[in-house]
Amino acid sequence: MKEMAGKNIQIAKCGSSDVSGWSIQGNTIQIELGRLNYESLERTAAKLRISLDVLIAEAILNLFQGDQGEI
């Protein structure tokens, strides 16, 4: 988790499959999820070794900003 500390996280919904992807650009981690739900956030957090709480908080912010999904 040390390499992820201090980075901004952005989550985007893409398509409708379970396929997810991520990239690190500068100080930002961009995560693309096919389904914005708890299971996909949990798998992504485990892959990237990021706190699940942080991903859930970011996903909730995205919901309020117009991205569709379910938590």
PDB file of N, CA and C in Angstrom:
ATOM      1  N   MET A   1       0.809  -1.191   0.000  1.00  0.00           N
ATOM      2  CA  MET A   1       0.000   0.000   0.000  1.00  0.00           C
ATOM      3  C   MET A   1       0.851   1.253   0.000  1.00  0.00           C
ATOM      4  N   LYS A   2       2.105   1.141   0.313  1.00  0.00           N
ATOM      5  CA  LYS A   2       2.963   2.318   0.388  1.00  0.00           C
ATOM      6  C   LYS A   2       3.021   3.071  -0.933  1.00  0.00           C
ATOM      7  N   GLU A   3       3.115   2.306  -2.081  1.00  0.00           N
ATOM      8  CA  GLU A   3       3.235   2.989  -3.363  1.00  0.00           C
ATOM      9  C   GLU A   3       1.951   3.709  -3.761  1.00  0.00           C
ATOM     10  N   MET A   4       0.828   3.386  -3.149  1.00  0.00           N
ATOM     11  CA  MET A   4      -0.441   4.030  -3.458  1.00  0.00           C
ATOM     12  C   MET A   4      -0.733   5.202  -2.517  1.00  0.00           C
ATOM     13  N   ALA A   5       0.019   5.323  -1.448  1.00  0.00           N
ATOM     14  CA  ALA A   5      -0.243   6.388  -0.470  1.00  0.00           C
ATOM     15  C   ALA A   5      -0.051   7.756  -1.107  1.00  0.00           C
ATOM     16  N   GLY A   6      -0.949   8.663  -0.793  1.00  0.00           N
ATOM     17  CA  GLY A   6      -0.839  10.029  -1.278  1.00  0.00           C
ATOM     18  C   GLY A   6      -1.301  10.246  -2.703  1.00  0.00           C
ATOM     19  N   LYS A   7      -1.872   9.224  -3.326  1.00  0.00           N
ATOM     20  CA  LYS A   7      -2.343   9.374  -4.697  1.00  0.00           C
ATOM     21  C   LYS A   7      -3.846   9.639  -4.710  1.00  0.00           C
ATOM     22  N   ASN A   8      -4.283  10.394  -5.692  1.00  0.00           N
ATOM     23  CA  ASN A   8      -5.706  10.629  -5.892  1.00  0.00           C
ATOM     24  C   ASN A   8      -6.285   9.432  -6.617  1.00  0.00           C
ATOM     25  N   ILE A   9      -7.539   9.114  -6.341  1.00  0.00           N
ATOM     26  CA  ILE A   9      -8.189   7.977  -6.983  1.00  0.00           C
ATOM     27  C   ILE A   9      -9.410   8.473  -7.741  1.00  0.00           C
ATOM     28  N   GLN A  10      -9.528   8.062  -9.004  1.00  0.00           N
ATOM     29  CA  GLN A  10     -10.701   8.367  -9.820  1.00  0.00           C
ATOM     30  C   GLN A  10     -11.287   7.046 -10.287  1.00  0.00           C
ATOM     31  N   ILE A  11     -12.603   6.902 -10.160  1.00  0.00           N
ATOM     32  CA  ILE A  11     -13.282   5.687 -10.600  1.00  0.00           C
ATOM     33  C   ILE A  11     -14.243   6.062 -11.717  1.00  0.00           C
ATOM     34  N   ALA A  12     -14.215   5.307 -12.797  1.00  0.00           N
ATOM     35  CA  ALA A  12     -15.136   5.534 -13.903  1.00  0.00           C
ATOM     36  C   ALA A  12     -15.824   4.228 -14.257  1.00  0.00           C
ATOM     37  N   LYS A  13     -17.085   4.320 -14.638  1.00  0.00           N
ATOM     38  CA  LYS A  13     -17.828   3.150 -15.083  1.00  0.00           C
ATOM     39  C   LYS A  13     -17.661   3.041 -16.583  1.00  0.00           C
ATOM     40  N   CYS A  14     -17.347   1.841 -17.069  1.00  0.00           N
ATOM     41  CA  CYS A  14     -17.168   1.646 -18.504  1.00  0.00           C
ATOM     42  C   CYS A  14     -17.851   0.355 -18.932  1.00  0.00           C
ATOM     43  N   GLY A  15     -18.845   0.453 -19.759  1.00  0.00           N
ATOM     44  CA  GLY A  15     -19.536  -0.729 -20.249  1.00  0.00           C
ATOM     45  C   GLY A  15     -20.361  -1.411 -19.174  1.00  0.00           C
ATOM     46  N   SER A  16     -20.668  -2.684 -19.428  1.00  0.00           N
ATOM     47  CA  SER A  16     -21.514  -3.400 -18.484  1.00  0.00           C
ATOM     48  C   SER A  16     -20.934  -4.751 -18.070  1.00  0.00           C
ATOM     49  N   SER A  17     -19.699  -5.026 -18.428  1.00  0.00           N
ATOM     50  CA  SER A  17     -19.100  -6.307 -18.053  1.00  0.00           C
ATOM     51  C   SER A  17     -18.330  -6.161 -16.750  1.00  0.00           C
ATOM     52  N   ASP A  18     -17.828  -7.277 -16.255  1.00  0.00           N
ATOM     53  CA  ASP A  18     -17.046  -7.261 -15.020  1.00  0.00           C
ATOM     54  C   ASP A  18     -15.596  -6.847 -15.264  1.00  0.00           C
ATOM     55  N   VAL A  19     -15.240  -6.620 -16.513  1.00  0.00           N
ATOM     56  CA  VAL A  19     -13.857  -6.286 -16.845  1.00  0.00           C
ATOM     57  C   VAL A  19     -13.488  -4.954 -16.205  1.00  0.00           C
ATOM     58  N   SER A  20     -12.326  -4.929 -15.586  1.00  0.00           N
ATOM     59  CA  SER A  20     -11.861  -3.686 -14.994  1.00  0.00           C
ATOM     60  C   SER A  20     -10.430  -3.428 -15.433  1.00  0.00           C
ATOM     61  N   GLY A  21     -10.061  -2.185 -15.384  1.00  0.00           N
ATOM     62  CA  GLY A  21      -8.700  -1.816 -15.732  1.00  0.00           C
ATOM     63  C   GLY A  21      -8.278  -0.640 -14.882  1.00  0.00           C
ATOM     64  N   TRP A  22      -6.995  -0.383 -14.858  1.00  0.00           N
ATOM     65  CA  TRP A  22      -6.503   0.739 -14.069  1.00  0.00           C
ATOM     66  C   TRP A  22      -5.203   1.241 -14.660  1.00  0.00           C
ATOM     67  N   SER A  23      -4.898   2.480 -14.339  1.00  0.00           N
ATOM     68  CA  SER A  23      -3.626   3.063 -14.755  1.00  0.00           C
ATOM     69  C   SER A  23      -3.226   4.114 -13.729  1.00  0.00           C
ATOM     70  N   ILE A  24      -1.943   4.356 -13.671  1.00  0.00           N
ATOM     71  CA  ILE A  24      -1.427   5.397 -12.783  1.00  0.00           C
ATOM     72  C   ILE A  24      -0.802   6.462 -13.673  1.00  0.00           C
ATOM     73  N   GLN A  25      -1.307   7.688 -13.538  1.00  0.00           N
ATOM     74  CA  GLN A  25      -0.776   8.815 -14.302  1.00  0.00           C
ATOM     75  C   GLN A  25      -0.389   9.903 -13.320  1.00  0.00           C
ATOM     76  N   GLY A  26       0.885  10.073 -13.127  1.00  0.00           N
ATOM     77  CA  GLY A  26       1.364  11.066 -12.164  1.00  0.00           C
ATOM     78  C   GLY A  26       0.927  10.703 -10.769  1.00  0.00           C
ATOM     79  N   ASN A  27       0.131  11.552 -10.162  1.00  0.00           N
ATOM     80  CA  ASN A  27      -0.316  11.346  -8.788  1.00  0.00           C
ATOM     81  C   ASN A  27      -1.762  10.832  -8.738  1.00  0.00           C
ATOM     82  N   THR A  28      -2.267  10.329  -9.869  1.00  0.00           N
ATOM     83  CA  THR A  28      -3.657   9.882  -9.928  1.00  0.00           C
ATOM     84  C   THR A  28      -3.742   8.428 -10.368  1.00  0.00           C
ATOM     85  N   ILE A  29      -4.543   7.664  -9.652  1.00  0.00           N
ATOM     86  CA  ILE A  29      -4.851   6.295 -10.036  1.00  0.00           C
ATOM     87  C   ILE A  29      -6.227   6.336 -10.688  1.00  0.00           C
ATOM     88  N   GLN A  30      -6.317   5.948 -11.958  1.00  0.00           N
ATOM     89  CA  GLN A  30      -7.596   5.908 -12.651  1.00  0.00           C
ATOM     90  C   GLN A  30      -8.046   4.455 -12.727  1.00  0.00           C
ATOM     91  N   ILE A  31      -9.257   4.191 -12.259  1.00  0.00           N
ATOM     92  CA  ILE A  31      -9.800   2.844 -12.231  1.00  0.00           C
ATOM     93  C   ILE A  31     -11.066   2.823 -13.070  1.00  0.00           C
ATOM     94  N   GLU A  32     -11.151   1.872 -14.003  1.00  0.00           N
ATOM     95  CA  GLU A  32     -12.341   1.713 -14.818  1.00  0.00           C
ATOM     96  C   GLU A  32     -12.991   0.385 -14.460  1.00  0.00           C
ATOM     97  N   LEU A  33     -14.256   0.444 -14.101  1.00  0.00           N
ATOM     98  CA  LEU A  33     -14.983  -0.752 -13.702  1.00  0.00           C
ATOM     99  C   LEU A  33     -16.193  -0.941 -14.600  1.00  0.00           C
ATOM    100  N   GLY A  34     -16.443  -2.173 -15.025  1.00  0.00           N
ATOM    101  CA  GLY A  34     -17.622  -2.468 -15.816  1.00  0.00           C
ATOM    102  C   GLY A  34     -18.879  -2.379 -14.968  1.00  0.00           C
ATOM    103  N   ARG A  35     -18.801  -2.902 -13.782  1.00  0.00           N
ATOM    104  CA  ARG A  35     -19.925  -2.831 -12.852  1.00  0.00           C
ATOM    105  C   ARG A  35     -19.456  -2.120 -11.605  1.00  0.00           C
ATOM    106  N   LEU A  36     -20.160  -1.079 -11.252  1.00  0.00           N
ATOM    107  CA  LEU A  36     -19.800  -0.304 -10.074  1.00  0.00           C
ATOM    108  C   LEU A  36     -20.609  -0.849  -8.897  1.00  0.00           C
ATOM    109  N   ASN A  37     -20.117  -1.958  -8.332  1.00  0.00           N
ATOM    110  CA  ASN A  37     -20.791  -2.569  -7.189  1.00  0.00           C
ATOM    111  C   ASN A  37     -19.747  -3.023  -6.175  1.00  0.00           C
ATOM    112  N   TYR A  38     -20.219  -3.513  -5.057  1.00  0.00           N
ATOM    113  CA  TYR A  38     -19.318  -3.865  -3.964  1.00  0.00           C
ATOM    114  C   TYR A  38     -18.297  -4.926  -4.381  1.00  0.00           C
ATOM    115  N   GLU A  39     -18.758  -5.943  -5.100  1.00  0.00           N
ATOM    116  CA  GLU A  39     -17.857  -7.033  -5.486  1.00  0.00           C
ATOM    117  C   GLU A  39     -16.728  -6.549  -6.390  1.00  0.00           C
ATOM    118  N   SER A  40     -17.053  -5.700  -7.360  1.00  0.00           N
ATOM    119  CA  SER A  40     -16.002  -5.212  -8.251  1.00  0.00           C
ATOM    120  C   SER A  40     -15.046  -4.282  -7.514  1.00  0.00           C
ATOM    121  N   LEU A  41     -15.572  -3.482  -6.580  1.00  0.00           N
ATOM    122  CA  LEU A  41     -14.695  -2.625  -5.769  1.00  0.00           C
ATOM    123  C   LEU A  41     -13.797  -3.471  -4.881  1.00  0.00           C
ATOM    124  N   GLU A  42     -14.342  -4.536  -4.313  1.00  0.00           N
ATOM    125  CA  GLU A  42     -13.565  -5.415  -3.435  1.00  0.00           C
ATOM    126  C   GLU A  42     -12.432  -6.090  -4.208  1.00  0.00           C
ATOM    127  N   ARG A  43     -12.735  -6.612  -5.406  1.00  0.00           N
ATOM    128  CA  ARG A  43     -11.698  -7.258  -6.222  1.00  0.00           C
ATOM    129  C   ARG A  43     -10.617  -6.259  -6.631  1.00  0.00           C
ATOM    130  N   THR A  44     -11.036  -5.067  -7.026  1.00  0.00           N
ATOM    131  CA  THR A  44     -10.077  -4.050  -7.453  1.00  0.00           C
ATOM    132  C   THR A  44      -9.196  -3.604  -6.292  1.00  0.00           C
ATOM    133  N   ALA A  45      -9.785  -3.431  -5.115  1.00  0.00           N
ATOM    134  CA  ALA A  45      -9.005  -3.037  -3.932  1.00  0.00           C
ATOM    135  C   ALA A  45      -7.953  -4.089  -3.625  1.00  0.00           C
ATOM    136  N   ALA A  46      -8.323  -5.357  -3.738  1.00  0.00           N
ATOM    137  CA  ALA A  46      -7.367  -6.434  -3.471  1.00  0.00           C
ATOM    138  C   ALA A  46      -6.242  -6.443  -4.506  1.00  0.00           C
ATOM    139  N   LYS A  47      -6.593  -6.248  -5.787  1.00  0.00           N
ATOM    140  CA  LYS A  47      -5.586  -6.233  -6.853  1.00  0.00           C
ATOM    141  C   LYS A  47      -4.586  -5.103  -6.673  1.00  0.00           C
ATOM    142  N   LEU A  48      -5.110  -3.920  -6.361  1.00  0.00           N
ATOM    143  CA  LEU A  48      -4.260  -2.738  -6.278  1.00  0.00           C
ATOM    144  C   LEU A  48      -3.723  -2.471  -4.880  1.00  0.00           C
ATOM    145  N   ARG A  49      -4.155  -3.297  -3.938  1.00  0.00           N
ATOM    146  CA  ARG A  49      -3.744  -3.131  -2.537  1.00  0.00           C
ATOM    147  C   ARG A  49      -4.083  -1.737  -2.008  1.00  0.00           C
ATOM    148  N   ILE A  50      -5.318  -1.331  -2.301  1.00  0.00           N
ATOM    149  CA  ILE A  50      -5.852  -0.057  -1.827  1.00  0.00           C
ATOM    150  C   ILE A  50      -6.918  -0.378  -0.797  1.00  0.00           C
ATOM    151  N   SER A  51      -7.098   0.486   0.161  1.00  0.00           N
ATOM    152  CA  SER A  51      -8.135   0.302   1.167  1.00  0.00           C
ATOM    153  C   SER A  51      -9.513   0.264   0.494  1.00  0.00           C
ATOM    154  N   LEU A  52     -10.290  -0.768   0.805  1.00  0.00           N
ATOM    155  CA  LEU A  52     -11.637  -0.886   0.265  1.00  0.00           C
ATOM    156  C   LEU A  52     -12.493   0.305   0.677  1.00  0.00           C
ATOM    157  N   ASP A  53     -12.298   0.799   1.887  1.00  0.00           N
ATOM    158  CA  ASP A  53     -13.050   1.966   2.360  1.00  0.00           C
ATOM    159  C   ASP A  53     -12.831   3.176   1.460  1.00  0.00           C
ATOM    160  N   VAL A  54     -11.607   3.367   1.008  1.00  0.00           N
ATOM    161  CA  VAL A  54     -11.286   4.500   0.138  1.00  0.00           C
ATOM    162  C   VAL A  54     -11.999   4.346  -1.203  1.00  0.00           C
ATOM    163  N   LEU A  55     -11.997   3.130  -1.766  1.00  0.00           N
ATOM    164  CA  LEU A  55     -12.667   2.921  -3.042  1.00  0.00           C
ATOM    165  C   LEU A  55     -14.175   3.099  -2.927  1.00  0.00           C
ATOM    166  N   ILE A  56     -14.754   2.619  -1.837  1.00  0.00           N
ATOM    167  CA  ILE A  56     -16.196   2.783  -1.633  1.00  0.00           C
ATOM    168  C   ILE A  56     -16.547   4.261  -1.517  1.00  0.00           C
ATOM    169  N   ALA A  57     -15.759   5.009  -0.768  1.00  0.00           N
ATOM    170  CA  ALA A  57     -16.010   6.452  -0.620  1.00  0.00           C
ATOM    171  C   ALA A  57     -15.933   7.149  -1.977  1.00  0.00           C
ATOM    172  N   GLU A  58     -14.945   6.811  -2.776  1.00  0.00           N
ATOM    173  CA  GLU A  58     -14.795   7.420  -4.097  1.00  0.00           C
ATOM    174  C   GLU A  58     -15.959   7.030  -5.006  1.00  0.00           C
ATOM    175  N   ALA A  59     -16.396   5.785  -4.928  1.00  0.00           N
ATOM    176  CA  ALA A  59     -17.527   5.340  -5.745  1.00  0.00           C
ATOM    177  C   ALA A  59     -18.797   6.085  -5.360  1.00  0.00           C
ATOM    178  N   ILE A  60     -19.006   6.314  -4.078  1.00  0.00           N
ATOM    179  CA  ILE A  60     -20.180   7.060  -3.618  1.00  0.00           C
ATOM    180  C   ILE A  60     -20.124   8.495  -4.135  1.00  0.00           C
ATOM    181  N   LEU A  61     -18.961   9.109  -4.089  1.00  0.00           N
ATOM    182  CA  LEU A  61     -18.814  10.462  -4.649  1.00  0.00           C
ATOM    183  C   LEU A  61     -19.164  10.470  -6.129  1.00  0.00           C
ATOM    184  N   ASN A  62     -18.714   9.444  -6.863  1.00  0.00           N
ATOM    185  CA  ASN A  62     -19.021   9.366  -8.293  1.00  0.00           C
ATOM    186  C   ASN A  62     -20.512   9.241  -8.538  1.00  0.00           C
ATOM    187  N   LEU A  63     -21.211   8.502  -7.682  1.00  0.00           N
ATOM    188  CA  LEU A  63     -22.654   8.354  -7.844  1.00  0.00           C
ATOM    189  C   LEU A  63     -23.341   9.706  -7.739  1.00  0.00           C
ATOM    190  N   PHE A  64     -22.887  10.523  -6.801  1.00  0.00           N
ATOM    191  CA  PHE A  64     -23.481  11.844  -6.634  1.00  0.00           C
ATOM    192  C   PHE A  64     -23.113  12.781  -7.780  1.00  0.00           C
ATOM    193  N   GLN A  65     -22.038  12.464  -8.488  1.00  0.00           N
ATOM    194  CA  GLN A  65     -21.615  13.301  -9.610  1.00  0.00           C
ATOM    195  C   GLN A  65     -22.183  12.811 -10.934  1.00  0.00           C
ATOM    196  N   GLY A  66     -23.028  11.770 -10.903  1.00  0.00           N
ATOM    197  CA  GLY A  66     -23.709  11.354 -12.118  1.00  0.00           C
ATOM    198  C   GLY A  66     -23.347   9.989 -12.658  1.00  0.00           C
ATOM    199  N   ASP A  67     -22.279   9.343 -12.205  1.00  0.00           N
ATOM    200  CA  ASP A  67     -21.972   8.001 -12.673  1.00  0.00           C
ATOM    201  C   ASP A  67     -23.006   7.043 -12.102  1.00  0.00           C
ATOM    202  N   GLN A  68     -23.430   6.082 -12.901  1.00  0.00           N
ATOM    203  CA  GLN A  68     -24.440   5.142 -12.427  1.00  0.00           C
ATOM    204  C   GLN A  68     -23.780   3.883 -11.921  1.00  0.00           C
ATOM    205  N   GLY A  69     -24.356   3.303 -10.899  1.00  0.00           N
ATOM    206  CA  GLY A  69     -23.838   2.073 -10.340  1.00  0.00           C
ATOM    207  C   GLY A  69     -24.642   1.699  -9.135  1.00  0.00           C
ATOM    208  N   GLU A  70     -24.214   0.667  -8.487  1.00  0.00           N
ATOM    209  CA  GLU A  70     -24.894   0.258  -7.269  1.00  0.00           C
ATOM    210  C   GLU A  70     -23.851  -0.134  -6.239  1.00  0.00           C
ATOM    211  N   ILE A  71     -24.096   0.211  -5.009  1.00  0.00           N
ATOM    212  CA  ILE A  71     -23.166  -0.111  -3.928  1.00  0.00           C
ATOM    213  C   ILE A  71     -23.863  -1.083  -2.997  1.00  0.00           C
TER     214      ILE A  71
END
